[in-house]
Amino acid sequence: MHPLVSVDELRAELEGADPPVVLDVRWSLGGPDGAAEHARGHVPGAVYVDLDTQLASPPGPGTGRHPLPDPLALQEFLRDAGVREGSRVVVTDAGPATSAARGWWVLRWAGLRDVRVLDGGWAAWVAAGGPVETAAPLPAPGDVVVRPGALPVLDADEAASLAREGVLLDARAPERYRGEVEPVDPVAGHVPGARSAPTTAVVGADGRFLPPQELRDRFAALGALDGRPVGVYCGSGVTAAHALLALEVAGVPAVLWPGSWSQWVADPARPVTTGPEPG
């Protein structure tokens, strides 16, 4: 199943007899407030999702800033959002899918099979003249059963091993990878052996993902098509899901490290590298 859906495709599906459940994961580090943005206008029927509290558990010692959500709490939320067994789900955000990808990945990890991301998000929807709704939706209760573990994950030790023996991609901005700045976590730099793969490079100026072959070419240049296992991390497992979604579009299997850099630096004994990748 292709993980992306276009604006035109979603409009047609919403007008059909069996429309998908739409989840709006508008979120960005430092704001603006996603709930307020959602209330000002959203895809018709879309239910707002709070990434910090509904797609993650509270952070704890050594877990990273966005640990995986509690399965029962996630199940309760999804049922309240109207998700049923076998529902088709479309996840959107403001664009370019950096937070929607977290929703896509979490739902896939939770065992839902038909989950797609609106390519270009809310920005693409509005630009195409899609209908706008401001009223809060009242979905009928769902009955979905969350089955966690449907997708594999990496822990810190496995990520370190992958950086040595496979390909570990760092989806953060290049300056964070190099350790020149670190706006969130207490230590700057990257996991030794990781390769810089900023996820901003996988979308075009319109916020939509690049064509599959262009994505494959980019990932091939990073060694991700050489047959070795591929893992992805970022600051806390959010934008890494965006990079993993791009890998999925490109047809490249990869595994997410949910704890990411925020988990790595929680242990002062773990090594840190700064500066660019070796030439």
Protein backbone atom coordinates (compact mmCIF):
# COMPACT_ATOMS: atom_id res chain seq x y z
CA MET A 1 0.00 0.00 0.00
CA HIS A 2 1.37 3.40 -0.95
CA PRO A 3 1.80 5.46 2.24
CA LEU A 4 0.77 8.81 0.70
CA VAL A 5 -2.58 10.15 -0.48
CA SER A 6 -3.00 13.27 -2.63
CA VAL A 7 -5.46 16.08 -1.97
CA ASP A 8 -7.62 15.03 -4.94
CA GLU A 9 -7.66 11.41 -3.80
CA LEU A 10 -8.64 12.34 -0.26
CA ARG A 11 -11.41 14.67 -1.45
CA ALA A 12 -12.87 11.86 -3.54
CA GLU A 13 -12.67 9.39 -0.65
CA LEU A 14 -14.33 11.82 1.78
CA GLU A 15 -17.22 12.20 -0.66
CA GLY A 16 -17.61 8.43 -0.99
CA ALA A 17 -19.82 6.01 0.90
CA ASP A 18 -17.07 4.83 3.24
CA PRO A 19 -14.81 7.80 4.03
CA PRO A 20 -11.56 7.32 5.92
CA VAL A 21 -10.94 8.58 9.44
CA VAL A 22 -8.82 11.74 9.25
CA LEU A 23 -6.46 12.61 12.09
CA ASP A 24 -4.90 16.07 12.29
CA VAL A 25 -1.47 15.99 13.99
CA ARG A 26 -0.56 19.66 13.74
CA TRP A 27 2.52 20.12 15.92
CA SER A 28 5.86 21.86 15.81
CA LEU A 29 8.63 22.29 18.30
CA GLY A 30 8.03 25.62 19.99
CA GLY A 31 4.58 26.24 18.48
CA PRO A 32 2.22 27.45 17.18
CA ASP A 33 -0.44 25.61 19.18
CA GLY A 34 -1.76 22.80 17.03
CA ALA A 35 -5.18 22.61 18.70
CA ALA A 36 -5.80 26.30 18.07
CA GLU A 37 -4.70 25.98 14.45
CA HIS A 38 -7.00 22.98 14.01
CA ALA A 39 -9.94 24.91 15.49
CA ARG A 40 -9.40 27.70 12.95
CA GLY A 41 -9.84 25.27 10.09
CA HIS A 42 -9.30 21.63 9.20
CA VAL A 43 -10.13 18.92 6.70
CA PRO A 44 -13.84 18.06 7.13
CA GLY A 45 -14.30 15.48 9.86
CA ALA A 46 -10.68 15.56 10.97
CA VAL A 47 -10.05 14.80 14.66
CA TYR A 48 -7.23 16.69 16.35
CA VAL A 49 -4.37 14.62 17.77
CA ASP A 50 -2.00 15.94 20.42
CA LEU A 51 1.39 14.52 19.51
CA ASP A 52 2.92 15.08 22.95
CA THR A 53 0.17 13.34 24.93
CA GLN A 54 -1.61 10.98 22.51
CA LEU A 55 1.23 9.80 20.26
CA ALA A 56 3.79 9.61 23.07
CA SER A 57 4.08 8.75 26.73
CA PRO A 58 5.46 11.21 29.30
CA PRO A 59 9.26 11.30 29.14
CA GLY A 60 11.13 9.45 31.85
CA PRO A 61 14.73 8.72 32.80
CA GLY A 62 16.60 7.45 29.76
CA THR A 63 13.53 7.15 27.52
CA GLY A 64 13.92 10.22 25.33
CA ARG A 65 11.53 13.13 24.95
CA HIS A 66 8.78 11.26 23.05
CA PRO A 67 8.59 7.65 24.26
CA LEU A 68 6.15 5.30 22.57
CA PRO A 69 2.55 5.78 23.72
CA ASP A 70 0.87 3.49 26.21
CA PRO A 71 -1.06 0.99 24.05
CA LEU A 72 -4.28 1.12 26.09
CA ALA A 73 -4.27 4.93 26.18
CA LEU A 74 -3.66 5.00 22.42
CA GLN A 75 -6.47 2.51 21.87
CA GLU A 76 -8.88 4.62 23.93
CA PHE A 77 -8.01 7.74 21.95
CA LEU A 78 -8.34 6.01 18.58
CA ARG A 79 -11.73 4.60 19.54
CA ASP A 80 -12.86 8.08 20.62
CA ALA A 81 -11.67 9.33 17.22
CA GLY A 82 -13.95 6.81 15.50
CA VAL A 83 -11.32 4.31 14.37
CA ARG A 84 -12.77 0.84 13.90
CA GLU A 85 -11.19 -2.48 13.08
CA GLY A 86 -10.30 -2.26 9.40
CA SER A 87 -10.75 1.52 9.19
CA ARG A 88 -8.81 3.44 6.60
CA VAL A 89 -6.95 6.27 8.31
CA VAL A 90 -5.41 9.38 6.77
CA VAL A 91 -3.05 11.49 8.88
CA THR A 92 -2.37 15.13 8.13
CA ASP A 93 -0.64 18.13 9.66
CA ALA A 94 0.18 21.69 8.63
CA GLY A 95 2.67 20.32 6.09
CA PRO A 96 5.18 18.98 5.12
CA ALA A 97 4.15 15.88 7.11
CA THR A 98 6.92 16.00 9.72
CA SER A 99 4.43 15.42 12.54
CA ALA A 100 1.85 13.50 10.49
CA ALA A 101 4.58 10.95 9.81
CA ARG A 102 4.86 10.34 13.56
CA GLY A 103 1.13 9.53 13.59
CA TRP A 104 1.51 7.28 10.53
CA TRP A 105 4.36 5.38 12.13
CA VAL A 106 2.73 5.04 15.58
CA LEU A 107 -0.49 3.71 14.09
CA ARG A 108 1.42 1.23 11.95
CA TRP A 109 3.42 0.17 15.03
CA ALA A 110 0.07 -0.26 16.81
CA GLY A 111 -1.08 -2.78 14.21
CA LEU A 112 -3.26 -0.63 11.94
CA ARG A 113 -2.61 -1.57 8.35
CA ASP A 114 -4.38 1.01 6.16
CA VAL A 115 -2.71 4.25 7.24
CA ARG A 116 -1.66 7.00 4.82
CA VAL A 117 -0.35 10.55 5.05
CA LEU A 118 -1.84 13.50 3.18
CA ASP A 119 0.99 14.60 0.91
CA GLY A 120 1.63 18.29 1.51
CA GLY A 121 -0.73 18.42 4.49
CA TRP A 122 -3.08 21.27 5.33
CA ALA A 123 -1.08 23.72 3.23
CA ALA A 124 -1.66 21.60 0.11
CA TRP A 125 -5.33 21.12 1.00
CA VAL A 126 -5.95 24.86 1.26
CA ALA A 127 -3.89 25.64 -1.84
CA ALA A 128 -6.03 23.22 -3.85
CA GLY A 129 -9.28 24.79 -2.64
CA GLY A 130 -10.28 21.89 -0.41
CA PRO A 131 -13.35 22.42 1.79
CA VAL A 132 -12.63 23.80 5.26
CA GLU A 133 -14.43 22.91 8.46
CA THR A 134 -14.19 24.64 11.84
CA ALA A 135 -16.74 22.68 13.90
CA ALA A 136 -15.41 19.96 16.19
CA PRO A 137 -16.29 16.55 14.75
CA LEU A 138 -18.43 14.07 16.70
CA PRO A 139 -17.37 10.65 15.40
CA ALA A 140 -19.20 7.48 16.33
CA PRO A 141 -17.13 5.42 18.80
CA GLY A 142 -14.76 2.96 17.22
CA ASP A 143 -13.72 -0.54 18.25
CA VAL A 144 -10.12 -0.76 17.02
CA VAL A 145 -7.78 -3.01 18.96
CA VAL A 146 -4.21 -1.77 19.34
CA ARG A 147 -1.61 -4.48 18.88
CA PRO A 148 1.75 -2.85 19.64
CA GLY A 149 4.96 -4.09 18.09
CA ALA A 150 3.73 -4.49 14.52
CA LEU A 151 6.80 -2.50 13.41
CA PRO A 152 10.31 -3.12 14.76
CA VAL A 153 12.19 -0.50 16.75
CA LEU A 154 15.80 0.14 17.72
CA ASP A 155 17.13 0.83 21.18
CA ALA A 156 20.27 2.85 21.88
CA ASP A 157 22.63 -0.13 21.82
CA GLU A 158 21.15 -1.46 18.60
CA ALA A 159 21.44 1.97 17.01
CA ALA A 160 25.11 2.18 17.97
CA SER A 161 25.72 -1.24 16.46
CA LEU A 162 23.89 -0.26 13.29
CA ALA A 163 26.05 2.85 12.94
CA ARG A 164 29.08 0.53 12.84
CA GLU A 165 27.73 -2.38 10.84
CA GLY A 166 24.86 -0.96 8.79
CA VAL A 167 23.53 2.51 8.02
CA LEU A 168 22.25 4.84 10.73
CA LEU A 169 20.72 8.03 9.34
CA ASP A 170 20.45 11.23 11.38
CA ALA A 171 17.36 13.13 10.22
CA ARG A 172 18.10 16.37 12.10
CA ALA A 173 19.32 19.62 10.59
CA PRO A 174 22.97 19.45 9.49
CA GLU A 175 24.11 22.02 12.05
CA ARG A 176 22.65 19.92 14.86
CA TYR A 177 24.34 16.81 13.45
CA ARG A 178 27.67 18.64 13.38
CA GLY A 179 27.16 19.85 16.95
CA GLU A 180 27.29 23.53 16.06
CA VAL A 181 23.94 24.20 17.74
CA GLU A 182 21.61 22.22 19.97
CA PRO A 183 18.37 24.03 20.79
CA VAL A 184 16.71 21.25 22.79
CA ASP A 185 18.99 18.55 24.18
CA PRO A 186 21.79 19.07 26.72
CA VAL A 187 24.60 17.75 24.49
CA ALA A 188 25.32 18.59 20.85
CA GLY A 189 26.70 16.25 18.20
CA HIS A 190 25.76 12.88 16.76
CA VAL A 191 26.10 9.15 17.29
CA PRO A 192 29.54 7.99 16.13
CA GLY A 193 29.26 6.56 12.62
CA ALA A 194 25.82 8.03 11.88
CA ARG A 195 25.28 9.74 8.53
CA SER A 196 23.67 13.14 8.13
CA ALA A 197 20.35 12.83 6.26
CA PRO A 198 18.27 15.93 7.03
CA THR A 199 14.64 15.08 6.42
CA THR A 200 13.99 18.53 4.97
CA ALA A 201 15.79 17.31 1.84
CA VAL A 202 13.12 14.71 1.00
CA VAL A 203 10.37 17.23 0.18
CA GLY A 204 10.08 19.88 -2.48
CA ALA A 205 9.29 23.57 -2.13
CA ASP A 206 5.58 22.72 -2.16
CA GLY A 207 5.93 20.50 0.92
CA ARG A 208 5.23 17.30 -1.01
CA PHE A 209 7.56 14.34 -1.05
CA LEU A 210 9.98 14.06 -3.94
CA PRO A 211 9.29 11.38 -6.58
CA PRO A 212 10.26 7.85 -5.52
CA GLN A 213 13.24 7.56 -7.87
CA GLU A 214 14.66 10.88 -6.72
CA LEU A 215 14.31 9.73 -3.13
CA ARG A 216 16.04 6.45 -4.00
CA ASP A 217 18.91 8.36 -5.56
CA ARG A 218 19.30 10.48 -2.43
CA PHE A 219 19.26 7.48 -0.13
CA ALA A 220 21.58 5.54 -2.41
CA ALA A 221 24.15 8.33 -1.99
CA LEU A 222 23.94 7.69 1.76
CA GLY A 223 24.59 3.97 1.36
CA ALA A 224 21.03 2.99 2.24
CA LEU A 225 20.55 0.86 -0.88
CA ASP A 226 23.62 -1.32 -0.40
CA GLY A 227 21.76 -4.20 1.22
CA ARG A 228 22.78 -3.31 4.77
CA PRO A 229 20.17 -2.72 7.50
CA VAL A 230 19.04 0.90 7.81
CA GLY A 231 17.94 2.77 10.92
CA VAL A 232 16.81 6.37 11.46
CA TYR A 233 16.94 8.75 14.41
CA CYS A 234 16.46 12.44 15.13
CA GLY A 235 16.05 14.41 18.36
CA SER A 236 13.16 12.46 19.85
CA GLY A 237 11.73 10.13 17.20
CA VAL A 238 9.39 12.61 15.46
CA THR A 239 11.17 13.86 12.35
CA ALA A 240 12.91 10.50 12.10
CA ALA A 241 9.47 9.06 11.29
CA HIS A 242 9.29 11.58 8.44
CA ALA A 243 12.59 10.29 7.05
CA LEU A 244 11.35 6.74 7.49
CA LEU A 245 8.20 7.63 5.55
CA ALA A 246 10.39 8.95 2.73
CA LEU A 247 12.34 5.69 2.80
CA GLU A 248 9.02 3.82 2.56
CA VAL A 249 8.02 5.89 -0.48
CA ALA A 250 11.40 5.04 -2.00
CA GLY A 251 10.92 1.33 -1.28
CA VAL A 252 13.78 1.12 1.23
CA PRO A 253 13.15 -0.92 4.42
CA ALA A 254 14.25 0.91 7.57
CA VAL A 255 13.72 0.87 11.33
CA LEU A 256 12.96 3.77 13.67
CA TRP A 257 14.88 4.51 16.85
CA PRO A 258 12.13 6.11 18.97
CA GLY A 259 14.42 7.30 21.77
CA SER A 260 16.81 8.99 19.33
CA TRP A 261 19.37 11.61 20.37
CA SER A 262 17.48 12.66 23.50
CA GLN A 263 17.81 9.10 24.79
CA TRP A 264 21.43 8.77 23.70
CA VAL A 265 22.67 11.81 25.61
CA ALA A 266 20.77 10.83 28.76
CA ASP A 267 23.69 8.49 29.48
CA PRO A 268 26.91 10.52 29.86
CA ALA A 269 28.97 7.39 29.19
CA ARG A 270 27.83 7.20 25.59
CA PRO A 271 30.29 8.66 23.05
CA VAL A 272 29.45 11.77 21.04
CA THR A 273 30.98 12.93 17.76
CA THR A 274 30.94 16.49 16.42
CA GLY A 275 31.90 17.97 13.08
CA PRO A 276 31.06 16.87 9.53
CA GLU A 277 31.17 13.33 8.25
CA PRO A 278 34.59 12.10 7.12
CA GLY A 279 35.25 13.00 3.49
